[in-house]
């Protein structure tokens, strides 16, 4: 890496302020309201992770709700299925992605077409041909619309026994089909070109363009970035992204910073980000999903917030520290608690399984802090129960 300039020292407090601003967690209504706000949030963040766990509201709705106070689940449906401003694909996990970024995912789709997908190597060409034929003939469909499958043995615990479902999933990763609608976790599949109304698909991005896209996405949503934070669970992209970073350093478009406690891990910011003055810590309270962009990169969260999150849904009960599905609580610029919550939909309430105080602030006076968190819990409960 070019090392003409010594990295600028940066406190973790400054890094927190930059990251919170980039995540739009320091503003009341950063994206406005309605389906346009949902699309705008996903465009800004770059992606919103999808997950099936339903102890509380699924994480894609939860992540958006934390940035759009008036968020409604129907807004996500409209953005995906009607406006078609977002689509689903794999980032570090299955995610909602801006439709404007589609071209950056075409190389991965083409790769899967050439080389297959390691999760779906057992899919037979006849099964893939069958689902493609049905889609072309009958239009969009769910797996429930295919009733003549002969069930097979699972090849791994989360695999389907339906050959047609495996074939649809492979067609999805190959970019032949897209998920045009979701009803809970039930997916409706549609031919990609027909869903978007394309005469021809967008032009695929080059490897260099894709590396620049990943860097831009990281800078926009993280503010201060490292190679690991840009390429989260995407080691193959690191070489090309590093080259993009080097080029921008030479053009004075990036500045190296040394965050307290980061050791040899390199971080960078844009000069205008470094020069901007923080307006002081927000006092907003956020009950975060464990899949929130602020939490999902555990080492980064620990470095910048001093909080080590434990995701214990798959840990034996007797070995859990925070609980089955603990949610970090952000107050201002500190994570002060982790609440293990569960939604009792039958009786219309959210159950508090366990309250864990964490961090330095939590060691001080807790009465007022607890009251503020409880106020946010009431809003959170209304969201969980559909209000």
Protein backbone atom coordinates (compact mmCIF):
# COMPACT_ATOMS: atom_id res chain seq x y z
CA UNK A 1 0.00 0.00 0.00
CA UNK A 2 1.21 3.58 -0.59
CA UNK A 3 2.56 4.94 2.68
CA UNK A 4 3.52 8.50 1.84
CA UNK A 5 1.38 9.87 4.66
CA UNK A 6 1.30 8.59 8.19
CA UNK A 7 -2.19 7.40 9.25
CA UNK A 8 -4.24 9.99 11.08
CA UNK A 9 -4.98 8.93 14.68
CA UNK A 10 -8.67 8.30 15.34
CA UNK A 11 -10.40 7.60 18.65
CA UNK A 12 -13.05 4.92 18.86
CA UNK A 13 -15.52 7.68 19.81
CA UNK A 14 -14.81 9.42 16.51
CA UNK A 15 -15.11 6.13 14.61
CA UNK A 16 -18.46 5.47 16.32
CA UNK A 17 -19.78 8.88 15.33
CA UNK A 18 -18.75 8.36 11.70
CA UNK A 19 -20.25 4.87 11.55
CA UNK A 20 -23.52 5.86 13.21
CA UNK A 21 -23.88 8.78 10.81
CA UNK A 22 -23.18 6.51 7.84
CA UNK A 23 -25.79 4.04 9.10
CA UNK A 24 -28.30 6.87 9.55
CA UNK A 25 -28.92 5.87 13.16
CA UNK A 26 -28.31 9.40 14.42
CA UNK A 27 -31.28 10.97 12.61
CA UNK A 28 -34.98 10.77 13.31
CA UNK A 29 -36.34 10.27 9.78
CA UNK A 30 -33.31 9.99 7.47
CA UNK A 31 -35.15 8.40 4.55
CA UNK A 32 -38.67 9.79 4.85
CA UNK A 33 -41.72 7.50 4.77
CA UNK A 34 -43.45 4.99 2.51
CA UNK A 35 -42.13 2.56 -0.12
CA UNK A 36 -39.74 5.20 -1.46
CA UNK A 37 -38.10 5.40 1.98
CA UNK A 38 -37.64 1.63 2.02
CA UNK A 39 -35.96 1.71 -1.40
CA UNK A 40 -33.83 4.71 -0.36
CA UNK A 41 -32.68 2.97 2.84
CA UNK A 42 -31.65 -0.17 0.97
CA UNK A 43 -29.89 1.92 -1.69
CA UNK A 44 -27.95 3.78 0.98
CA UNK A 45 -27.05 0.74 3.07
CA UNK A 46 -26.23 -1.31 -0.04
CA UNK A 47 -28.10 -4.36 1.22
CA UNK A 48 -30.41 -5.49 4.01
CA UNK A 49 -29.98 -9.05 5.22
CA UNK A 50 -32.89 -11.50 5.07
CA UNK A 51 -33.27 -14.17 7.76
CA UNK A 52 -35.87 -16.80 8.56
CA UNK A 53 -35.73 -16.64 12.39
CA UNK A 54 -39.11 -15.42 13.63
CA UNK A 55 -38.77 -15.27 17.44
CA UNK A 56 -39.39 -11.58 16.93
CA UNK A 57 -40.08 -9.85 13.60
CA UNK A 58 -37.69 -11.06 10.90
CA UNK A 59 -34.49 -9.08 10.63
CA UNK A 60 -35.11 -7.44 7.24
CA UNK A 61 -38.20 -5.69 8.62
CA UNK A 62 -36.43 -4.95 11.91
CA UNK A 63 -33.40 -3.34 10.24
CA UNK A 64 -35.60 -1.08 8.12
CA UNK A 65 -37.86 -0.15 11.05
CA UNK A 66 -34.84 1.15 12.98
CA UNK A 67 -34.17 3.65 10.19
CA UNK A 68 -37.75 4.37 9.10
CA UNK A 69 -39.92 5.03 12.20
CA UNK A 70 -43.16 4.79 10.19
CA UNK A 71 -42.02 1.65 8.34
CA UNK A 72 -44.70 -0.79 7.20
CA UNK A 73 -44.08 -4.29 5.95
CA UNK A 74 -46.19 -3.54 2.88
CA UNK A 75 -43.63 -0.89 1.88
CA UNK A 76 -41.03 -3.62 1.37
CA UNK A 77 -43.52 -5.64 -0.68
CA UNK A 78 -44.23 -2.66 -2.91
CA UNK A 79 -40.54 -1.91 -3.43
CA UNK A 80 -39.82 -5.53 -4.37
CA UNK A 81 -42.92 -6.63 -6.25
CA UNK A 82 -44.53 -3.49 -7.68
CA UNK A 83 -41.92 -0.74 -8.00
CA UNK A 84 -39.18 -3.38 -8.55
CA UNK A 85 -36.63 -0.97 -7.10
CA UNK A 86 -35.02 -3.79 -5.09
CA UNK A 87 -34.34 -7.47 -5.66
CA UNK A 88 -32.99 -10.42 -3.71
CA UNK A 89 -29.53 -11.85 -4.10
CA UNK A 90 -26.52 -13.05 -2.13
CA UNK A 91 -24.14 -10.53 -0.56
CA UNK A 92 -22.55 -12.07 2.55
CA UNK A 93 -26.00 -13.63 3.06
CA UNK A 94 -29.33 -13.57 1.24
CA UNK A 95 -30.26 -9.89 1.11
CA UNK A 96 -32.41 -7.20 -0.42
CA UNK A 97 -30.25 -5.24 -2.88
CA UNK A 98 -30.98 -2.09 -4.93
CA UNK A 99 -32.11 -2.90 -8.46
CA UNK A 100 -29.80 -0.13 -9.69
CA UNK A 101 -26.87 -2.33 -8.59
CA UNK A 102 -27.98 -5.40 -10.54
CA UNK A 103 -25.09 -5.31 -13.01
CA UNK A 104 -22.57 -5.85 -10.22
CA UNK A 105 -24.15 -9.23 -9.43
CA UNK A 106 -24.27 -10.55 -12.99
CA UNK A 107 -20.67 -11.87 -12.88
CA UNK A 108 -21.55 -14.10 -9.90
CA UNK A 109 -24.67 -15.32 -11.71
CA UNK A 110 -22.65 -16.15 -14.82
CA UNK A 111 -20.07 -17.95 -12.69
CA UNK A 112 -22.77 -20.17 -11.18
CA UNK A 113 -24.09 -20.95 -14.66
CA UNK A 114 -20.62 -22.02 -15.80
CA UNK A 115 -19.47 -23.85 -12.70
CA UNK A 116 -22.63 -24.68 -10.78
CA UNK A 117 -23.27 -23.87 -7.13
CA UNK A 118 -21.69 -25.89 -4.34
CA UNK A 119 -24.99 -26.03 -2.44
CA UNK A 120 -26.96 -27.42 -5.37
CA UNK A 121 -24.61 -29.83 -7.12
CA UNK A 122 -27.23 -32.59 -6.83
CA UNK A 123 -29.74 -30.71 -9.01
CA UNK A 124 -30.41 -32.73 -12.15
CA UNK A 125 -30.62 -30.97 -15.55
CA UNK A 126 -34.09 -32.47 -16.01
CA UNK A 127 -35.33 -30.86 -12.78
CA UNK A 128 -33.94 -27.46 -13.82
CA UNK A 129 -35.52 -27.81 -17.25
CA UNK A 130 -38.84 -28.74 -15.64
CA UNK A 131 -39.13 -25.63 -13.46
CA UNK A 132 -38.02 -23.35 -16.29
CA UNK A 133 -40.62 -24.90 -18.57
CA UNK A 134 -43.37 -24.42 -15.97
CA UNK A 135 -42.40 -20.79 -15.39
CA UNK A 136 -42.40 -20.00 -19.10
CA UNK A 137 -45.75 -21.74 -19.59
CA UNK A 138 -47.69 -20.85 -16.43
CA UNK A 139 -46.03 -17.69 -15.12
CA UNK A 140 -44.81 -16.87 -11.62
CA UNK A 141 -45.16 -19.68 -9.08
CA UNK A 142 -44.26 -20.88 -5.61
CA UNK A 143 -42.94 -24.31 -4.73
CA UNK A 144 -46.47 -25.16 -3.51
CA UNK A 145 -47.68 -24.93 -7.10
CA UNK A 146 -45.58 -27.99 -8.00
CA UNK A 147 -47.36 -31.06 -6.69
CA UNK A 148 -45.74 -33.94 -8.58
CA UNK A 149 -42.29 -33.96 -6.95
CA UNK A 150 -40.95 -37.29 -5.72
CA UNK A 151 -39.24 -36.50 -2.44
CA UNK A 152 -35.55 -37.33 -2.07
CA UNK A 153 -33.16 -37.54 0.88
CA UNK A 154 -31.63 -34.31 2.20
CA UNK A 155 -27.96 -33.77 1.39
CA UNK A 156 -27.54 -31.38 4.33
CA UNK A 157 -29.80 -30.39 7.26
CA UNK A 158 -31.26 -27.25 5.66
CA UNK A 159 -31.74 -28.68 2.18
CA UNK A 160 -35.17 -29.36 0.71
CA UNK A 161 -36.45 -32.84 -0.10
CA UNK A 162 -38.24 -31.42 -3.15
CA UNK A 163 -36.12 -31.61 -6.33
CA UNK A 164 -38.09 -28.71 -7.84
CA UNK A 165 -37.30 -26.44 -4.91
CA UNK A 166 -33.60 -27.18 -5.26
CA UNK A 167 -33.85 -26.50 -8.99
CA UNK A 168 -35.60 -23.16 -8.39
CA UNK A 169 -32.93 -22.18 -5.89
CA UNK A 170 -30.18 -23.01 -8.38
CA UNK A 171 -31.99 -21.05 -11.10
CA UNK A 172 -32.14 -18.12 -8.66
CA UNK A 173 -28.38 -18.11 -8.05
CA UNK A 174 -27.74 -18.49 -11.78
CA UNK A 175 -29.84 -15.38 -12.45
CA UNK A 176 -32.42 -17.21 -14.55
CA UNK A 177 -35.22 -16.40 -12.11
CA UNK A 178 -35.81 -13.88 -9.36
CA UNK A 179 -37.99 -13.82 -6.26
CA UNK A 180 -40.81 -11.55 -7.34
CA UNK A 181 -42.74 -11.67 -4.05
CA UNK A 182 -42.59 -12.99 -0.50
CA UNK A 183 -45.43 -14.02 1.76
CA UNK A 184 -43.61 -14.58 5.02
CA UNK A 185 -40.87 -16.94 3.88
CA UNK A 186 -42.88 -18.36 0.96
CA UNK A 187 -41.16 -17.19 -2.21
CA UNK A 188 -42.78 -16.56 -5.56
CA UNK A 189 -40.38 -17.18 -8.44
CA UNK A 190 -40.54 -15.43 -11.80
CA UNK A 191 -38.36 -15.33 -14.89
CA UNK A 192 -35.81 -12.56 -14.38
CA UNK A 193 -36.37 -10.83 -17.73
CA UNK A 194 -40.16 -11.01 -17.41
CA UNK A 195 -40.15 -9.64 -13.87
CA UNK A 196 -38.10 -6.57 -14.80
CA UNK A 197 -39.59 -6.22 -18.30
CA UNK A 198 -36.17 -6.28 -19.96
CA UNK A 199 -35.66 -6.72 -23.69
CA UNK A 200 -32.09 -7.51 -22.70
CA UNK A 201 -30.45 -7.58 -19.26
CA UNK A 202 -28.06 -4.86 -18.02
CA UNK A 203 -24.44 -5.00 -19.09
CA UNK A 204 -22.34 -6.98 -16.58
CA UNK A 205 -19.88 -4.96 -14.52
CA UNK A 206 -16.18 -5.62 -15.02
CA UNK A 207 -14.05 -6.96 -12.18
CA UNK A 208 -12.57 -3.49 -11.71
CA UNK A 209 -16.00 -1.85 -11.64
CA UNK A 210 -17.25 -4.41 -9.12
CA UNK A 211 -14.30 -3.75 -6.81
CA UNK A 212 -15.03 -0.03 -6.99
CA UNK A 213 -18.68 -0.70 -6.25
CA UNK A 214 -17.82 -2.71 -3.13
CA UNK A 215 -15.52 0.07 -1.93
CA UNK A 216 -18.13 2.78 -2.58
CA UNK A 217 -20.80 0.71 -0.82
CA UNK A 218 -18.58 0.33 2.22
CA UNK A 219 -17.66 4.01 2.37
CA UNK A 220 -21.29 5.09 2.05
CA UNK A 221 -22.72 2.73 4.70
CA UNK A 222 -19.75 2.45 7.08
CA UNK A 223 -17.95 5.79 6.79
CA UNK A 224 -14.65 4.40 8.07
CA UNK A 225 -13.69 1.13 6.40
CA UNK A 226 -11.20 -1.72 6.51
CA UNK A 227 -10.56 -4.39 3.92
CA UNK A 228 -12.43 -6.85 6.14
CA UNK A 229 -15.43 -4.56 6.57
CA UNK A 230 -15.72 -3.93 2.83
CA UNK A 231 -15.30 -7.62 1.93
CA UNK A 232 -17.25 -9.18 4.81
CA UNK A 233 -17.20 -12.97 4.22
CA UNK A 234 -15.93 -12.27 0.70
CA UNK A 235 -12.20 -12.98 0.80
CA UNK A 236 -11.88 -13.51 -3.00
CA UNK A 237 -12.71 -9.82 -3.58
CA UNK A 238 -9.99 -8.47 -1.29
CA UNK A 239 -7.18 -8.28 -3.85
CA UNK A 240 -9.18 -6.22 -6.34
CA UNK A 241 -10.65 -3.99 -3.60
CA UNK A 242 -7.18 -3.33 -2.21
CA UNK A 243 -6.10 -2.19 -5.67
CA UNK A 244 -9.05 0.22 -5.74
CA UNK A 245 -8.06 1.56 -2.34
CA UNK A 246 -4.45 2.08 -3.48
CA UNK A 247 -5.60 3.97 -6.57
CA UNK A 248 -7.80 6.29 -4.50
CA UNK A 249 -5.03 6.95 -1.99
CA UNK A 250 -2.80 8.03 -4.86
CA UNK A 251 -5.55 10.38 -6.06
CA UNK A 252 -5.95 11.75 -2.50
CA UNK A 253 -9.52 10.42 -2.40
CA UNK A 254 -8.89 8.29 0.70
CA UNK A 255 -7.03 8.98 3.93
CA UNK A 256 -5.52 6.28 6.12
CA UNK A 257 -6.55 6.40 9.79
CA UNK A 258 -5.30 4.50 12.82
CA UNK A 259 -8.21 3.66 15.12
CA UNK A 260 -7.33 3.21 18.77
CA UNK A 261 -6.94 -0.49 19.54
CA UNK A 262 -6.96 -1.62 15.89
CA UNK A 263 -3.32 -2.65 15.93
CA UNK A 264 -2.07 -3.34 12.42
CA UNK A 265 -5.54 -3.41 10.86
CA UNK A 266 -5.71 -0.59 8.33
CA UNK A 267 -8.69 1.74 8.02
CA UNK A 268 -9.56 4.50 5.58
CA UNK A 269 -12.01 7.39 5.27
CA UNK A 270 -12.76 9.97 2.62
CA UNK A 271 -11.14 13.36 3.35
CA UNK A 272 -14.52 15.09 3.63
CA UNK A 273 -15.60 12.54 6.25
CA UNK A 274 -12.48 13.21 8.28
CA UNK A 275 -12.94 16.95 8.06
CA UNK A 276 -16.63 16.95 9.00
CA UNK A 277 -17.34 17.93 12.57
CA UNK A 278 -19.68 15.76 14.59
CA UNK A 279 -22.72 17.51 16.04
CA UNK A 280 -22.43 15.60 19.28
CA UNK A 281 -23.72 12.16 20.15
CA UNK A 282 -27.35 11.44 19.40
CA UNK A 283 -29.40 10.37 22.40
CA UNK A 284 -31.66 8.10 20.36
CA UNK A 285 -32.46 4.60 21.59
CA UNK A 286 -32.39 1.71 19.12
CA UNK A 287 -33.21 -1.94 19.84
CA UNK A 288 -31.10 -3.58 17.15
CA UNK A 289 -31.33 -6.87 15.32
CA UNK A 290 -28.32 -9.17 15.76
CA UNK A 291 -28.20 -9.06 11.92
CA UNK A 292 -28.15 -5.25 11.79
CA UNK A 293 -25.18 -3.86 9.79
CA UNK A 294 -23.95 -2.28 13.03
CA UNK A 295 -23.76 -5.70 14.71
CA UNK A 296 -23.25 -8.39 12.07
CA UNK A 297 -19.50 -7.79 11.74
CA UNK A 298 -18.72 -8.88 15.29
CA UNK A 299 -15.01 -7.95 15.39
CA UNK A 300 -15.68 -4.49 13.98
CA UNK A 301 -18.48 -3.90 16.50
CA UNK A 302 -16.18 -4.98 19.31
CA UNK A 303 -13.37 -2.68 18.13
CA UNK A 304 -15.48 0.43 17.65
CA UNK A 305 -18.16 -0.03 20.34
CA UNK A 306 -16.29 -2.23 22.82
CA UNK A 307 -19.19 -4.69 22.69
CA UNK A 308 -18.83 -8.38 21.93
CA UNK A 309 -22.13 -9.80 20.70
CA UNK A 310 -22.99 -13.45 21.22
CA UNK A 311 -25.53 -14.99 18.87
CA UNK A 312 -26.74 -17.95 20.90
CA UNK A 313 -29.76 -19.33 19.04
CA UNK A 314 -27.75 -22.47 18.29
CA UNK A 315 -25.99 -22.66 21.66
CA UNK A 316 -27.26 -25.10 24.34
CA UNK A 317 -29.44 -23.25 26.84
CA UNK A 318 -27.14 -23.88 29.78
CA UNK A 319 -24.21 -22.28 27.94
CA UNK A 320 -25.95 -19.05 26.86
CA UNK A 321 -24.74 -15.77 28.27
CA UNK A 322 -27.27 -13.28 26.84
CA UNK A 323 -30.11 -15.58 25.75
CA UNK A 324 -31.56 -17.33 22.73
CA UNK A 325 -32.07 -14.22 20.57
CA UNK A 326 -30.51 -11.27 22.37
CA UNK A 327 -30.93 -7.82 20.83
CA UNK A 328 -28.26 -5.15 21.46
CA UNK A 329 -29.58 -1.80 22.72
CA UNK A 330 -27.89 1.34 21.39
CA UNK A 331 -28.35 4.50 23.46
CA UNK A 332 -26.65 7.50 21.95
CA UNK A 333 -23.31 6.17 20.78
CA UNK A 334 -22.98 3.28 23.22
CA UNK A 335 -24.36 -0.24 23.37
CA UNK A 336 -25.56 -0.52 26.95
CA UNK A 337 -27.73 -3.65 27.10
CA UNK A 338 -28.64 -6.89 25.36
CA UNK A 339 -32.28 -7.95 25.74
CA UNK A 340 -33.49 -11.47 25.07
CA UNK A 341 -36.99 -10.93 23.67
CA UNK A 342 -39.71 -13.15 22.29
CA UNK A 343 -42.99 -12.16 20.66
CA UNK A 344 -46.07 -13.92 22.03
CA UNK A 345 -48.33 -13.33 19.03
CA UNK A 346 -51.22 -15.35 20.44
CA UNK A 347 -51.53 -13.15 23.52
CA UNK A 348 -50.42 -9.93 21.84
CA UNK A 349 -47.30 -9.01 23.79
CA UNK A 350 -43.52 -9.10 23.72
CA UNK A 351 -41.91 -11.16 26.46
CA UNK A 352 -38.69 -10.03 28.11
CA UNK A 353 -36.76 -13.23 28.77
CA UNK A 354 -33.58 -11.65 30.12
CA UNK A 355 -32.12 -8.16 30.57
CA UNK A 356 -28.32 -7.94 30.35
CA UNK A 357 -26.48 -4.71 31.13
CA UNK A 358 -23.27 -4.32 29.16
CA UNK A 359 -20.60 -1.68 28.61
CA UNK A 360 -19.19 1.11 30.76
CA UNK A 361 -22.30 3.33 30.82
CA UNK A 362 -24.41 0.45 32.06
CA UNK A 363 -22.26 0.29 35.19
CA UNK A 364 -23.42 3.74 36.24
CA UNK A 365 -26.88 4.95 37.31
CA UNK A 366 -29.39 2.77 35.54
CA UNK A 367 -32.81 4.02 36.60
CA UNK A 368 -33.16 6.75 33.96
CA UNK A 369 -31.44 4.62 31.31
CA UNK A 370 -33.82 1.75 31.99
CA UNK A 371 -36.83 4.05 31.70
CA UNK A 372 -35.70 5.29 28.28
CA UNK A 373 -35.12 1.75 27.03
CA UNK A 374 -38.55 0.70 28.31
CA UNK A 375 -40.14 3.55 26.36
CA UNK A 376 -38.52 2.25 23.20
CA UNK A 377 -39.62 -1.28 24.12
CA UNK A 378 -43.25 -0.10 24.00
CA UNK A 379 -42.72 1.23 20.46
CA UNK A 380 -40.91 -1.99 19.57
CA UNK A 381 -43.84 -4.05 20.87
CA UNK A 382 -46.30 -2.10 18.72
CA UNK A 383 -44.13 -2.80 15.68
CA UNK A 384 -43.89 -6.51 16.54
CA UNK A 385 -47.63 -6.85 16.81
CA UNK A 386 -48.31 -5.07 13.55
CA UNK A 387 -49.07 -1.56 14.80
